[in-house]
N, C-alpha and C. Protein backbone atom coordinates (compact mmCIF):
# COMPACT_ATOMS: atom_id res chain seq x y z
N MET A 1 -36.47 -7.06 -31.55
CA MET A 1 -35.81 -6.29 -30.53
C MET A 1 -36.36 -4.87 -30.53
N LYS A 2 -36.55 -4.36 -29.34
CA LYS A 2 -37.03 -3.00 -29.14
C LYS A 2 -35.83 -2.06 -29.25
N CYS A 3 -35.98 -0.97 -30.00
CA CYS A 3 -34.88 -0.02 -30.20
C CYS A 3 -35.23 1.31 -29.56
N ILE A 4 -34.39 1.73 -28.62
CA ILE A 4 -34.55 3.03 -27.97
C ILE A 4 -33.36 3.89 -28.38
N SER A 5 -33.64 5.01 -29.01
CA SER A 5 -32.60 5.93 -29.46
C SER A 5 -32.35 6.99 -28.41
N VAL A 6 -31.07 7.24 -28.11
CA VAL A 6 -30.68 8.27 -27.15
C VAL A 6 -29.75 9.23 -27.90
N TYR A 7 -30.19 10.47 -28.04
CA TYR A 7 -29.49 11.44 -28.89
C TYR A 7 -28.44 12.23 -28.11
N THR A 8 -27.26 11.64 -28.00
CA THR A 8 -26.10 12.29 -27.40
C THR A 8 -24.86 11.56 -27.88
N ASP A 9 -23.73 12.26 -27.87
CA ASP A 9 -22.46 11.61 -28.17
C ASP A 9 -21.58 11.57 -26.93
N ASN A 10 -22.17 11.93 -25.79
CA ASN A 10 -21.44 11.98 -24.53
C ASN A 10 -21.71 10.69 -23.73
N PHE A 11 -20.71 9.81 -23.67
CA PHE A 11 -20.89 8.52 -23.00
C PHE A 11 -21.23 8.68 -21.52
N GLU A 12 -20.62 9.65 -20.88
CA GLU A 12 -20.88 9.86 -19.45
C GLU A 12 -22.35 10.23 -19.22
N GLN A 13 -22.89 11.14 -20.02
CA GLN A 13 -24.30 11.50 -19.90
C GLN A 13 -25.19 10.29 -20.19
N PHE A 14 -24.83 9.54 -21.22
CA PHE A 14 -25.60 8.35 -21.58
C PHE A 14 -25.62 7.35 -20.43
N SER A 15 -24.46 7.07 -19.86
CA SER A 15 -24.40 6.09 -18.78
C SER A 15 -25.15 6.56 -17.53
N ASP A 16 -25.21 7.88 -17.32
CA ASP A 16 -25.95 8.42 -16.18
C ASP A 16 -27.45 8.16 -16.29
N ILE A 17 -27.99 8.14 -17.51
CA ILE A 17 -29.43 7.96 -17.68
C ILE A 17 -29.84 6.59 -18.19
N PHE A 18 -28.87 5.73 -18.47
CA PHE A 18 -29.12 4.42 -19.09
C PHE A 18 -30.20 3.62 -18.34
N GLU A 19 -30.03 3.41 -17.05
CA GLU A 19 -30.98 2.59 -16.28
C GLU A 19 -32.39 3.19 -16.33
N GLN A 20 -32.48 4.49 -16.22
CA GLN A 20 -33.77 5.16 -16.25
C GLN A 20 -34.44 4.99 -17.62
N VAL A 21 -33.67 5.11 -18.68
CA VAL A 21 -34.20 4.98 -20.04
C VAL A 21 -34.70 3.57 -20.28
N VAL A 22 -33.95 2.58 -19.86
CA VAL A 22 -34.35 1.18 -20.06
C VAL A 22 -35.63 0.87 -19.28
N ALA A 23 -35.80 1.48 -18.12
CA ALA A 23 -36.97 1.22 -17.28
C ALA A 23 -38.23 1.94 -17.79
N GLU A 24 -38.06 2.96 -18.62
CA GLU A 24 -39.21 3.72 -19.14
C GLU A 24 -40.10 2.85 -20.01
N GLU A 25 -41.40 3.08 -19.92
CA GLU A 25 -42.37 2.42 -20.80
C GLU A 25 -42.81 3.45 -21.84
N LEU A 26 -42.13 3.47 -22.97
CA LEU A 26 -42.45 4.42 -24.03
C LEU A 26 -43.28 3.74 -25.11
N ALA A 27 -44.23 4.47 -25.67
CA ALA A 27 -44.99 3.98 -26.81
C ALA A 27 -44.13 4.12 -28.06
N GLU A 28 -44.42 3.35 -29.09
CA GLU A 28 -43.64 3.44 -30.32
C GLU A 28 -43.68 4.86 -30.86
N ASN A 29 -42.52 5.36 -31.26
CA ASN A 29 -42.31 6.71 -31.78
C ASN A 29 -42.56 7.81 -30.75
N GLU A 30 -42.65 7.45 -29.48
CA GLU A 30 -42.80 8.45 -28.42
C GLU A 30 -41.43 9.05 -28.11
N GLU A 31 -41.39 10.36 -27.99
CA GLU A 31 -40.16 11.06 -27.70
C GLU A 31 -40.27 11.70 -26.31
N LYS A 32 -39.18 11.65 -25.56
CA LYS A 32 -39.17 12.18 -24.21
C LYS A 32 -37.80 12.79 -23.94
N GLU A 33 -37.74 13.70 -23.00
CA GLU A 33 -36.47 14.28 -22.61
C GLU A 33 -36.12 13.78 -21.21
N VAL A 34 -34.91 13.24 -21.07
CA VAL A 34 -34.42 12.75 -19.79
C VAL A 34 -33.12 13.49 -19.49
N ASP A 35 -33.12 14.27 -18.42
CA ASP A 35 -31.95 15.07 -18.04
C ASP A 35 -31.39 15.88 -19.21
N GLY A 36 -32.27 16.45 -20.00
CA GLY A 36 -31.86 17.29 -21.12
C GLY A 36 -31.46 16.54 -22.38
N ILE A 37 -31.62 15.22 -22.39
CA ILE A 37 -31.25 14.41 -23.55
C ILE A 37 -32.51 13.81 -24.15
N THR A 38 -32.65 13.92 -25.46
CA THR A 38 -33.82 13.39 -26.15
C THR A 38 -33.71 11.88 -26.28
N VAL A 39 -34.81 11.20 -25.93
CA VAL A 39 -34.90 9.74 -25.99
C VAL A 39 -36.14 9.41 -26.81
N ASN A 40 -36.04 8.40 -27.68
CA ASN A 40 -37.15 8.04 -28.55
C ASN A 40 -37.22 6.53 -28.66
N TYR A 41 -38.45 5.98 -28.52
CA TYR A 41 -38.64 4.55 -28.78
C TYR A 41 -38.87 4.43 -30.28
N SER A 42 -37.88 3.95 -30.99
CA SER A 42 -37.90 3.92 -32.45
C SER A 42 -38.63 2.72 -33.03
N GLY A 43 -39.18 1.87 -32.19
CA GLY A 43 -39.89 0.69 -32.68
C GLY A 43 -39.02 -0.54 -32.60
N ASP A 44 -39.43 -1.56 -33.30
CA ASP A 44 -38.71 -2.83 -33.29
C ASP A 44 -37.77 -2.93 -34.48
N VAL A 45 -36.63 -3.61 -34.27
CA VAL A 45 -35.68 -3.86 -35.35
C VAL A 45 -35.47 -5.37 -35.45
N PRO A 46 -35.17 -5.87 -36.63
CA PRO A 46 -34.92 -7.30 -36.79
C PRO A 46 -33.62 -7.72 -36.12
N ASP A 47 -33.50 -8.98 -35.79
CA ASP A 47 -32.32 -9.51 -35.11
C ASP A 47 -31.03 -9.27 -35.91
N TYR A 48 -31.09 -9.30 -37.23
CA TYR A 48 -29.89 -9.12 -38.04
C TYR A 48 -29.37 -7.69 -38.03
N TYR A 49 -30.13 -6.74 -37.51
CA TYR A 49 -29.74 -5.33 -37.47
C TYR A 49 -28.41 -5.15 -36.72
N ILE A 50 -28.27 -5.83 -35.60
CA ILE A 50 -27.03 -5.72 -34.80
C ILE A 50 -25.84 -6.18 -35.63
N GLU A 51 -25.99 -7.31 -36.27
CA GLU A 51 -24.90 -7.87 -37.07
C GLU A 51 -24.51 -6.93 -38.21
N ARG A 52 -25.51 -6.37 -38.86
CA ARG A 52 -25.25 -5.46 -39.98
C ARG A 52 -24.57 -4.18 -39.51
N MET A 53 -25.03 -3.62 -38.40
CA MET A 53 -24.44 -2.38 -37.87
C MET A 53 -23.02 -2.63 -37.35
N ALA A 54 -22.78 -3.79 -36.74
CA ALA A 54 -21.47 -4.10 -36.16
C ALA A 54 -20.39 -4.17 -37.24
N GLN A 55 -20.76 -4.38 -38.48
CA GLN A 55 -19.79 -4.45 -39.57
C GLN A 55 -19.29 -3.08 -40.02
N LYS A 56 -19.98 -2.03 -39.60
CA LYS A 56 -19.58 -0.68 -39.99
C LYS A 56 -18.45 -0.20 -39.10
N ARG A 57 -17.50 0.53 -39.67
CA ARG A 57 -16.32 0.99 -38.94
C ARG A 57 -16.62 1.99 -37.83
N ASP A 58 -17.62 2.83 -38.05
CA ASP A 58 -17.89 3.91 -37.10
C ASP A 58 -18.89 3.52 -36.01
N VAL A 59 -19.19 2.25 -35.88
CA VAL A 59 -20.17 1.79 -34.88
C VAL A 59 -19.45 1.03 -33.77
N VAL A 60 -19.73 1.45 -32.53
CA VAL A 60 -19.21 0.75 -31.36
C VAL A 60 -20.33 -0.11 -30.80
N VAL A 61 -20.03 -1.38 -30.52
CA VAL A 61 -21.02 -2.31 -29.99
C VAL A 61 -20.66 -2.64 -28.55
N MET A 62 -21.63 -2.43 -27.65
CA MET A 62 -21.45 -2.77 -26.23
C MET A 62 -22.58 -3.70 -25.83
N LYS A 63 -22.32 -4.54 -24.84
CA LYS A 63 -23.34 -5.47 -24.38
C LYS A 63 -23.48 -5.43 -22.87
N ASP A 64 -24.72 -5.53 -22.41
CA ASP A 64 -25.03 -5.75 -21.00
C ASP A 64 -25.54 -7.17 -20.95
N LYS A 65 -24.62 -8.12 -20.76
CA LYS A 65 -24.96 -9.53 -20.83
C LYS A 65 -25.98 -9.95 -19.78
N GLY A 66 -25.94 -9.33 -18.61
CA GLY A 66 -26.88 -9.67 -17.55
C GLY A 66 -28.32 -9.41 -17.94
N LYS A 67 -28.54 -8.39 -18.75
CA LYS A 67 -29.90 -8.02 -19.17
C LYS A 67 -30.18 -8.41 -20.62
N GLY A 68 -29.17 -8.89 -21.33
CA GLY A 68 -29.35 -9.26 -22.73
C GLY A 68 -29.50 -8.05 -23.64
N ILE A 69 -29.02 -6.90 -23.21
CA ILE A 69 -29.16 -5.65 -23.95
C ILE A 69 -27.89 -5.39 -24.77
N THR A 70 -28.08 -4.93 -26.00
CA THR A 70 -26.98 -4.51 -26.85
C THR A 70 -27.10 -3.00 -27.06
N ILE A 71 -25.97 -2.31 -27.02
CA ILE A 71 -25.94 -0.86 -27.22
C ILE A 71 -25.04 -0.58 -28.42
N LEU A 72 -25.56 0.16 -29.37
CA LEU A 72 -24.79 0.59 -30.53
C LEU A 72 -24.55 2.09 -30.39
N GLN A 73 -23.32 2.53 -30.61
CA GLN A 73 -23.01 3.95 -30.54
C GLN A 73 -22.39 4.35 -31.87
N HIS A 74 -23.00 5.33 -32.51
CA HIS A 74 -22.45 5.86 -33.75
C HIS A 74 -22.89 7.30 -33.92
N GLY A 75 -21.96 8.12 -34.33
CA GLY A 75 -22.25 9.54 -34.47
C GLY A 75 -22.69 10.13 -33.13
N LYS A 76 -23.78 10.86 -33.15
CA LYS A 76 -24.30 11.47 -31.93
C LYS A 76 -25.52 10.70 -31.43
N LEU A 77 -25.44 9.37 -31.51
CA LEU A 77 -26.58 8.53 -31.19
C LEU A 77 -26.15 7.24 -30.51
N PHE A 78 -26.88 6.88 -29.46
CA PHE A 78 -26.77 5.56 -28.85
C PHE A 78 -28.09 4.85 -29.14
N GLU A 79 -28.03 3.60 -29.55
CA GLU A 79 -29.23 2.81 -29.74
C GLU A 79 -29.19 1.66 -28.74
N ILE A 80 -30.21 1.60 -27.90
CA ILE A 80 -30.33 0.53 -26.92
C ILE A 80 -31.27 -0.50 -27.51
N LEU A 81 -30.78 -1.72 -27.70
CA LEU A 81 -31.58 -2.79 -28.28
C LEU A 81 -31.93 -3.80 -27.19
N VAL A 82 -33.21 -3.84 -26.87
CA VAL A 82 -33.70 -4.67 -25.77
C VAL A 82 -34.49 -5.83 -26.35
N PRO A 83 -34.14 -7.07 -25.98
CA PRO A 83 -34.92 -8.20 -26.49
C PRO A 83 -36.36 -8.14 -25.98
N VAL A 84 -37.28 -8.51 -26.86
CA VAL A 84 -38.69 -8.54 -26.49
C VAL A 84 -39.00 -9.96 -26.03
N ALA A 85 -39.58 -10.08 -24.83
CA ALA A 85 -39.96 -11.39 -24.32
C ALA A 85 -41.02 -12.00 -25.22
N GLU A 86 -41.03 -13.33 -25.33
CA GLU A 86 -41.98 -14.00 -26.21
C GLU A 86 -43.42 -13.65 -25.87
N THR A 87 -43.72 -13.51 -24.58
CA THR A 87 -45.08 -13.16 -24.19
C THR A 87 -45.44 -11.76 -24.66
N GLU A 88 -44.49 -10.82 -24.61
CA GLU A 88 -44.72 -9.47 -25.09
C GLU A 88 -44.91 -9.47 -26.60
N ALA A 89 -44.10 -10.27 -27.31
CA ALA A 89 -44.16 -10.32 -28.76
C ALA A 89 -45.51 -10.84 -29.24
N SER A 90 -46.08 -11.79 -28.52
CA SER A 90 -47.36 -12.34 -28.94
C SER A 90 -48.51 -11.36 -28.70
N VAL A 91 -48.33 -10.43 -27.76
CA VAL A 91 -49.36 -9.43 -27.47
C VAL A 91 -49.36 -8.35 -28.54
N ILE A 92 -48.18 -8.06 -29.09
CA ILE A 92 -48.04 -6.99 -30.09
C ILE A 92 -48.67 -7.39 -31.34
């Protein structure tokens, strides 16, 4: 899964830029500013990462079932976890 970090604790700001962030083509470890909020493609995380993070008390888990995206919110950070298509995975 591809992990995109969004550095804010403001849900309203996050939701305003969510679609734009997901549509961005960022290189691994590339950092960008979107509407004053820092966004970083943190690389790939293993599938069990969601399960492990969901067990923590301070982590909120949200899902966009239509897109298969999971969002983790903890502290001043949102992590957008996007599944990598099999064709993309084989290219990497």
